[in-house]
Amino acid sequence: MAKNILVLMPVDERHKQLLEGKAPDCSFIYADNKTLTADMVQKANIIIGNPPVDMVKGSKNLEWLQLNS
């Protein structure tokens, strides 16, 4: 089953290619603090980075949260 992966860390094109090459059936969304929406967080199955806590509450789809730390 394809997953929605939300990447909140700054990544360059090479890193995007590496990530997407490891999960070709997944849908990747890249965002930062200016473009991130609560809807993006709520739809994500996997989040790589640090989303605002108030946006994560009630995330029914979230299976994995990989923080920067």
PDB file of N, CA and C in Angstrom:
ATOM      1  N   MET A   1       0.833  -1.178   0.000  1.00  0.00           N
ATOM      2  CA  MET A   1       0.000   0.000   0.000  1.00  0.00           C
ATOM      3  C   MET A   1       0.886   1.252   0.000  1.00  0.00           C
ATOM      4  N   ALA A   2       0.618   2.165  -0.880  1.00  0.00           N
ATOM      5  CA  ALA A   2       1.389   3.406  -0.980  1.00  0.00           C
ATOM      6  C   ALA A   2       1.147   4.279   0.251  1.00  0.00           C
ATOM      7  N   LYS A   3       2.201   4.879   0.715  1.00  0.00           N
ATOM      8  CA  LYS A   3       2.136   5.747   1.887  1.00  0.00           C
ATOM      9  C   LYS A   3       2.329   7.202   1.471  1.00  0.00           C
ATOM     10  N   ASN A   4       1.787   8.095   2.260  1.00  0.00           N
ATOM     11  CA  ASN A   4       2.021   9.531   2.096  1.00  0.00           C
ATOM     12  C   ASN A   4       3.143   9.917   3.043  1.00  0.00           C
ATOM     13  N   ILE A   5       4.250  10.405   2.477  1.00  0.00           N
ATOM     14  CA  ILE A   5       5.419  10.761   3.266  1.00  0.00           C
ATOM     15  C   ILE A   5       5.602  12.265   3.210  1.00  0.00           C
ATOM     16  N   LEU A   6       5.586  12.885   4.369  1.00  0.00           N
ATOM     17  CA  LEU A   6       5.763  14.325   4.496  1.00  0.00           C
ATOM     18  C   LEU A   6       7.170  14.589   5.010  1.00  0.00           C
ATOM     19  N   VAL A   7       7.957  15.324   4.225  1.00  0.00           N
ATOM     20  CA  VAL A   7       9.335  15.634   4.586  1.00  0.00           C
ATOM     21  C   VAL A   7       9.408  17.111   4.962  1.00  0.00           C
ATOM     22  N   LEU A   8       9.778  17.370   6.207  1.00  0.00           N
ATOM     23  CA  LEU A   8       9.835  18.738   6.715  1.00  0.00           C
ATOM     24  C   LEU A   8      11.268  19.238   6.886  1.00  0.00           C
ATOM     25  N   MET A   9      12.221  18.381   6.634  1.00  0.00           N
ATOM     26  CA  MET A   9      13.629  18.774   6.714  1.00  0.00           C
ATOM     27  C   MET A   9      14.055  19.385   5.384  1.00  0.00           C
ATOM     28  N   PRO A  10      14.986  20.328   5.415  1.00  0.00           N
ATOM     29  CA  PRO A  10      15.492  20.846   4.146  1.00  0.00           C
ATOM     30  C   PRO A  10      16.303  19.762   3.431  1.00  0.00           C
ATOM     31  N   VAL A  11      15.945  19.485   2.204  1.00  0.00           N
ATOM     32  CA  VAL A  11      16.656  18.486   1.402  1.00  0.00           C
ATOM     33  C   VAL A  11      16.924  19.054   0.013  1.00  0.00           C
ATOM     34  N   ASP A  12      18.058  18.664  -0.546  1.00  0.00           N
ATOM     35  CA  ASP A  12      18.357  19.092  -1.905  1.00  0.00           C
ATOM     36  C   ASP A  12      17.864  18.024  -2.885  1.00  0.00           C
ATOM     37  N   GLU A  13      18.023  18.278  -4.156  1.00  0.00           N
ATOM     38  CA  GLU A  13      17.504  17.364  -5.183  1.00  0.00           C
ATOM     39  C   GLU A  13      18.107  15.965  -5.067  1.00  0.00           C
ATOM     40  N   ARG A  14      19.370  15.881  -4.736  1.00  0.00           N
ATOM     41  CA  ARG A  14      20.024  14.573  -4.606  1.00  0.00           C
ATOM     42  C   ARG A  14      19.367  13.758  -3.492  1.00  0.00           C
ATOM     43  N   HIS A  15      19.074  14.410  -2.359  1.00  0.00           N
ATOM     44  CA  HIS A  15      18.434  13.707  -1.251  1.00  0.00           C
ATOM     45  C   HIS A  15      16.995  13.313  -1.599  1.00  0.00           C
ATOM     46  N   LYS A  16      16.306  14.167  -2.322  1.00  0.00           N
ATOM     47  CA  LYS A  16      14.949  13.825  -2.762  1.00  0.00           C
ATOM     48  C   LYS A  16      14.978  12.570  -3.628  1.00  0.00           C
ATOM     49  N   GLN A  17      15.925  12.509  -4.549  1.00  0.00           N
ATOM     50  CA  GLN A  17      16.044  11.336  -5.425  1.00  0.00           C
ATOM     51  C   GLN A  17      16.347  10.075  -4.625  1.00  0.00           C
ATOM     52  N   LEU A  18      17.223  10.202  -3.630  1.00  0.00           N
ATOM     53  CA  LEU A  18      17.543   9.042  -2.788  1.00  0.00           C
ATOM     54  C   LEU A  18      16.318   8.558  -2.013  1.00  0.00           C
ATOM     55  N   LEU A  19      15.603   9.476  -1.381  1.00  0.00           N
ATOM     56  CA  LEU A  19      14.401   9.104  -0.630  1.00  0.00           C
ATOM     57  C   LEU A  19      13.362   8.461  -1.535  1.00  0.00           C
ATOM     58  N   GLU A  20      13.064   9.127  -2.635  1.00  0.00           N
ATOM     59  CA  GLU A  20      12.023   8.637  -3.534  1.00  0.00           C
ATOM     60  C   GLU A  20      12.423   7.335  -4.220  1.00  0.00           C
ATOM     61  N   GLY A  21      13.725   7.124  -4.414  1.00  0.00           N
ATOM     62  CA  GLY A  21      14.201   5.876  -5.002  1.00  0.00           C
ATOM     63  C   GLY A  21      14.015   4.686  -4.075  1.00  0.00           C
ATOM     64  N   LYS A  22      14.033   4.935  -2.768  1.00  0.00           N
ATOM     65  CA  LYS A  22      13.836   3.859  -1.784  1.00  0.00           C
ATOM     66  C   LYS A  22      12.368   3.511  -1.570  1.00  0.00           C
ATOM     67  N   ALA A  23      11.485   4.392  -1.970  1.00  0.00           N
ATOM     68  CA  ALA A  23      10.044   4.161  -1.781  1.00  0.00           C
ATOM     69  C   ALA A  23       9.299   4.660  -3.021  1.00  0.00           C
ATOM     70  N   PRO A  24       9.517   4.016  -4.170  1.00  0.00           N
ATOM     71  CA  PRO A  24       8.946   4.526  -5.423  1.00  0.00           C
ATOM     72  C   PRO A  24       7.420   4.520  -5.493  1.00  0.00           C
ATOM     73  N   ASP A  25       6.772   3.708  -4.681  1.00  0.00           N
ATOM     74  CA  ASP A  25       5.310   3.650  -4.706  1.00  0.00           C
ATOM     75  C   ASP A  25       4.656   4.664  -3.771  1.00  0.00           C
ATOM     76  N   CYS A  26       5.468   5.402  -3.022  1.00  0.00           N
ATOM     77  CA  CYS A  26       4.939   6.359  -2.061  1.00  0.00           C
ATOM     78  C   CYS A  26       4.802   7.746  -2.669  1.00  0.00           C
ATOM     79  N   SER A  27       3.963   8.540  -2.038  1.00  0.00           N
ATOM     80  CA  SER A  27       3.758   9.922  -2.450  1.00  0.00           C
ATOM     81  C   SER A  27       4.522  10.819  -1.478  1.00  0.00           C
ATOM     82  N   PHE A  28       5.440  11.614  -2.006  1.00  0.00           N
ATOM     83  CA  PHE A  28       6.260  12.499  -1.176  1.00  0.00           C
ATOM     84  C   PHE A  28       5.763  13.932  -1.270  1.00  0.00           C
ATOM     85  N   ILE A  29       5.709  14.589  -0.119  1.00  0.00           N
ATOM     86  CA  ILE A  29       5.398  16.012  -0.062  1.00  0.00           C
ATOM     87  C   ILE A  29       6.519  16.671   0.732  1.00  0.00           C
ATOM     88  N   TYR A  30       7.078  17.732   0.168  1.00  0.00           N
ATOM     89  CA  TYR A  30       8.149  18.479   0.823  1.00  0.00           C
ATOM     90  C   TYR A  30       7.584  19.829   1.234  1.00  0.00           C
ATOM     91  N   ALA A  31       7.775  20.183   2.496  1.00  0.00           N
ATOM     92  CA  ALA A  31       7.228  21.439   2.998  1.00  0.00           C
ATOM     93  C   ALA A  31       8.182  22.046   4.019  1.00  0.00           C
ATOM     94  N   ASP A  32       7.954  23.313   4.301  1.00  0.00           N
ATOM     95  CA  ASP A  32       8.687  23.998   5.365  1.00  0.00           C
ATOM     96  C   ASP A  32       7.664  24.742   6.216  1.00  0.00           C
ATOM     97  N   ASN A  33       8.139  25.504   7.179  1.00  0.00           N
ATOM     98  CA  ASN A  33       7.223  26.203   8.088  1.00  0.00           C
ATOM     99  C   ASN A  33       6.265  27.141   7.363  1.00  0.00           C
ATOM    100  N   LYS A  34       6.674  27.680   6.241  1.00  0.00           N
ATOM    101  CA  LYS A  34       5.841  28.632   5.503  1.00  0.00           C
ATOM    102  C   LYS A  34       4.760  27.942   4.685  1.00  0.00           C
ATOM    103  N   THR A  35       5.029  26.728   4.208  1.00  0.00           N
ATOM    104  CA  THR A  35       4.083  26.056   3.317  1.00  0.00           C
ATOM    105  C   THR A  35       3.300  24.924   3.984  1.00  0.00           C
ATOM    106  N   LEU A  36       3.708  24.530   5.183  1.00  0.00           N
ATOM    107  CA  LEU A  36       3.057  23.421   5.874  1.00  0.00           C
ATOM    108  C   LEU A  36       1.637  23.773   6.290  1.00  0.00           C
ATOM    109  N   THR A  37       0.730  22.819   6.055  1.00  0.00           N
ATOM    110  CA  THR A  37      -0.652  22.985   6.493  1.00  0.00           C
ATOM    111  C   THR A  37      -1.041  21.812   7.404  1.00  0.00           C
ATOM    112  N   ALA A  38      -2.050  22.018   8.211  1.00  0.00           N
ATOM    113  CA  ALA A  38      -2.549  20.952   9.075  1.00  0.00           C
ATOM    114  C   ALA A  38      -3.052  19.782   8.246  1.00  0.00           C
ATOM    115  N   ASP A  39      -3.614  20.054   7.093  1.00  0.00           N
ATOM    116  CA  ASP A  39      -4.114  18.998   6.212  1.00  0.00           C
ATOM    117  C   ASP A  39      -2.980  18.077   5.749  1.00  0.00           C
ATOM    118  N   MET A  40      -1.832  18.648   5.431  1.00  0.00           N
ATOM    119  CA  MET A  40      -0.672  17.836   5.032  1.00  0.00           C
ATOM    120  C   MET A  40      -0.283  16.878   6.151  1.00  0.00           C
ATOM    121  N   VAL A  41      -0.245  17.391   7.363  1.00  0.00           N
ATOM    122  CA  VAL A  41       0.137  16.573   8.516  1.00  0.00           C
ATOM    123  C   VAL A  41      -0.900  15.487   8.753  1.00  0.00           C
ATOM    124  N   GLN A  42      -2.158  15.810   8.689  1.00  0.00           N
ATOM    125  CA  GLN A  42      -3.230  14.849   8.951  1.00  0.00           C
ATOM    126  C   GLN A  42      -3.279  13.727   7.910  1.00  0.00           C
ATOM    127  N   LYS A  43      -2.890  14.005   6.681  1.00  0.00           N
ATOM    128  CA  LYS A  43      -2.907  12.995   5.617  1.00  0.00           C
ATOM    129  C   LYS A  43      -1.661  12.119   5.598  1.00  0.00           C
ATOM    130  N   ALA A  44      -0.605  12.535   6.298  1.00  0.00           N
ATOM    131  CA  ALA A  44       0.670  11.824   6.253  1.00  0.00           C
ATOM    132  C   ALA A  44       0.631  10.515   7.026  1.00  0.00           C
ATOM    133  N   ASN A  45       1.212   9.488   6.424  1.00  0.00           N
ATOM    134  CA  ASN A  45       1.446   8.225   7.118  1.00  0.00           C
ATOM    135  C   ASN A  45       2.805   8.250   7.812  1.00  0.00           C
ATOM    136  N   ILE A  46       3.734   8.968   7.181  1.00  0.00           N
ATOM    137  CA  ILE A  46       5.093   9.076   7.695  1.00  0.00           C
ATOM    138  C   ILE A  46       5.489  10.547   7.650  1.00  0.00           C
ATOM    139  N   ILE A  47       6.076  11.044   8.734  1.00  0.00           N
ATOM    140  CA  ILE A  47       6.581  12.415   8.767  1.00  0.00           C
ATOM    141  C   ILE A  47       8.053  12.355   9.128  1.00  0.00           C
ATOM    142  N   ILE A  48       8.867  13.022   8.316  1.00  0.00           N
ATOM    143  CA  ILE A  48      10.298  13.125   8.569  1.00  0.00           C
ATOM    144  C   ILE A  48      10.581  14.590   8.858  1.00  0.00           C
ATOM    145  N   GLY A  49      10.870  14.899  10.106  1.00  0.00           N
ATOM    146  CA  GLY A  49      11.086  16.280  10.514  1.00  0.00           C
ATOM    147  C   GLY A  49      10.265  16.591  11.756  1.00  0.00           C
ATOM    148  N   ASN A  50      10.202  17.858  12.096  1.00  0.00           N
ATOM    149  CA  ASN A  50       9.541  18.277  13.325  1.00  0.00           C
ATOM    150  C   ASN A  50       8.292  19.104  13.031  1.00  0.00           C
ATOM    151  N   PRO A  51       7.138  18.468  12.980  1.00  0.00           N
ATOM    152  CA  PRO A  51       5.901  19.230  12.771  1.00  0.00           C
ATOM    153  C   PRO A  51       5.453  19.892  14.071  1.00  0.00           C
ATOM    154  N   PRO A  52       4.669  20.961  13.979  1.00  0.00           N
ATOM    155  CA  PRO A  52       4.106  21.554  15.198  1.00  0.00           C
ATOM    156  C   PRO A  52       3.203  20.536  15.909  1.00  0.00           C
ATOM    157  N   VAL A  53       3.345  20.451  17.220  1.00  0.00           N
ATOM    158  CA  VAL A  53       2.611  19.458  18.006  1.00  0.00           C
ATOM    159  C   VAL A  53       1.108  19.585  17.806  1.00  0.00           C
ATOM    160  N   ASP A  54       0.599  20.821  17.745  1.00  0.00           N
ATOM    161  CA  ASP A  54      -0.844  21.001  17.610  1.00  0.00           C
ATOM    162  C   ASP A  54      -1.373  20.465  16.278  1.00  0.00           C
ATOM    163  N   MET A  55      -0.520  20.355  15.264  1.00  0.00           N
ATOM    164  CA  MET A  55      -0.957  19.802  13.980  1.00  0.00           C
ATOM    165  C   MET A  55      -0.958  18.275  13.991  1.00  0.00           C
ATOM    166  N   VAL A  56      -0.165  17.673  14.874  1.00  0.00           N
ATOM    167  CA  VAL A  56      -0.059  16.215  14.928  1.00  0.00           C
ATOM    168  C   VAL A  56      -1.198  15.583  15.718  1.00  0.00           C
ATOM    169  N   LYS A  57      -1.733  16.315  16.688  1.00  0.00           N
ATOM    170  CA  LYS A  57      -2.817  15.776  17.521  1.00  0.00           C
ATOM    171  C   LYS A  57      -3.958  15.274  16.652  1.00  0.00           C
ATOM    172  N   GLY A  58      -4.386  14.048  16.947  1.00  0.00           N
ATOM    173  CA  GLY A  58      -5.505  13.464  16.224  1.00  0.00           C
ATOM    174  C   GLY A  58      -5.156  12.924  14.852  1.00  0.00           C
ATOM    175  N   SER A  59      -3.878  12.766  14.535  1.00  0.00           N
ATOM    176  CA  SER A  59      -3.464  12.240  13.225  1.00  0.00           C
ATOM    177  C   SER A  59      -3.762  10.748  13.159  1.00  0.00           C
ATOM    178  N   LYS A  60      -4.860  10.411  12.528  1.00  0.00           N
ATOM    179  CA  LYS A  60      -5.295   9.016  12.448  1.00  0.00           C
ATOM    180  C   LYS A  60      -4.458   8.192  11.476  1.00  0.00           C
ATOM    181  N   ASN A  61      -3.817   8.843  10.506  1.00  0.00           N
ATOM    182  CA  ASN A  61      -3.041   8.118   9.505  1.00  0.00           C
ATOM    183  C   ASN A  61      -1.586   7.924   9.905  1.00  0.00           C
ATOM    184  N   LEU A  62      -1.113   8.660  10.896  1.00  0.00           N
ATOM    185  CA  LEU A  62       0.309   8.668  11.230  1.00  0.00           C
ATOM    186  C   LEU A  62       0.759   7.318  11.788  1.00  0.00           C
ATOM    187  N   GLU A  63       1.773   6.736  11.130  1.00  0.00           N
ATOM    188  CA  GLU A  63       2.343   5.463  11.544  1.00  0.00           C
ATOM    189  C   GLU A  63       3.770   5.622  12.041  1.00  0.00           C
ATOM    190  N   TRP A  64       4.456   6.672  11.569  1.00  0.00           N
ATOM    191  CA  TRP A  64       5.870   6.824  11.910  1.00  0.00           C
ATOM    192  C   TRP A  64       6.217   8.302  11.912  1.00  0.00           C
ATOM    193  N   LEU A  65       6.853   8.753  12.972  1.00  0.00           N
ATOM    194  CA  LEU A  65       7.307  10.135  13.093  1.00  0.00           C
ATOM    195  C   LEU A  65       8.801  10.098  13.371  1.00  0.00           C
ATOM    196  N   GLN A  66       9.597  10.555  12.408  1.00  0.00           N
ATOM    197  CA  GLN A  66      11.055  10.582  12.560  1.00  0.00           C
ATOM    198  C   GLN A  66      11.471  12.027  12.805  1.00  0.00           C
ATOM    199  N   LEU A  67      11.806  12.351  14.043  1.00  0.00           N
ATOM    200  CA  LEU A  67      12.188  13.710  14.408  1.00  0.00           C
ATOM    201  C   LEU A  67      13.634  13.993  13.999  1.00  0.00           C
ATOM    202  N   ASN A  68      13.975  15.256  13.886  1.00  0.00           N
ATOM    203  CA  ASN A  68      15.329  15.661  13.525  1.00  0.00           C
ATOM    204  C   ASN A  68      16.346  15.277  14.594  1.00  0.00           C
ATOM    205  N   SER A  69      15.923  15.211  15.844  1.00  0.00           N
ATOM    206  CA  SER A  69      16.873  14.982  16.940  1.00  0.00           C
ATOM    207  C   SER A  69      17.220  13.518  17.130  1.00  0.00           C
TER     208      SER A  69
END
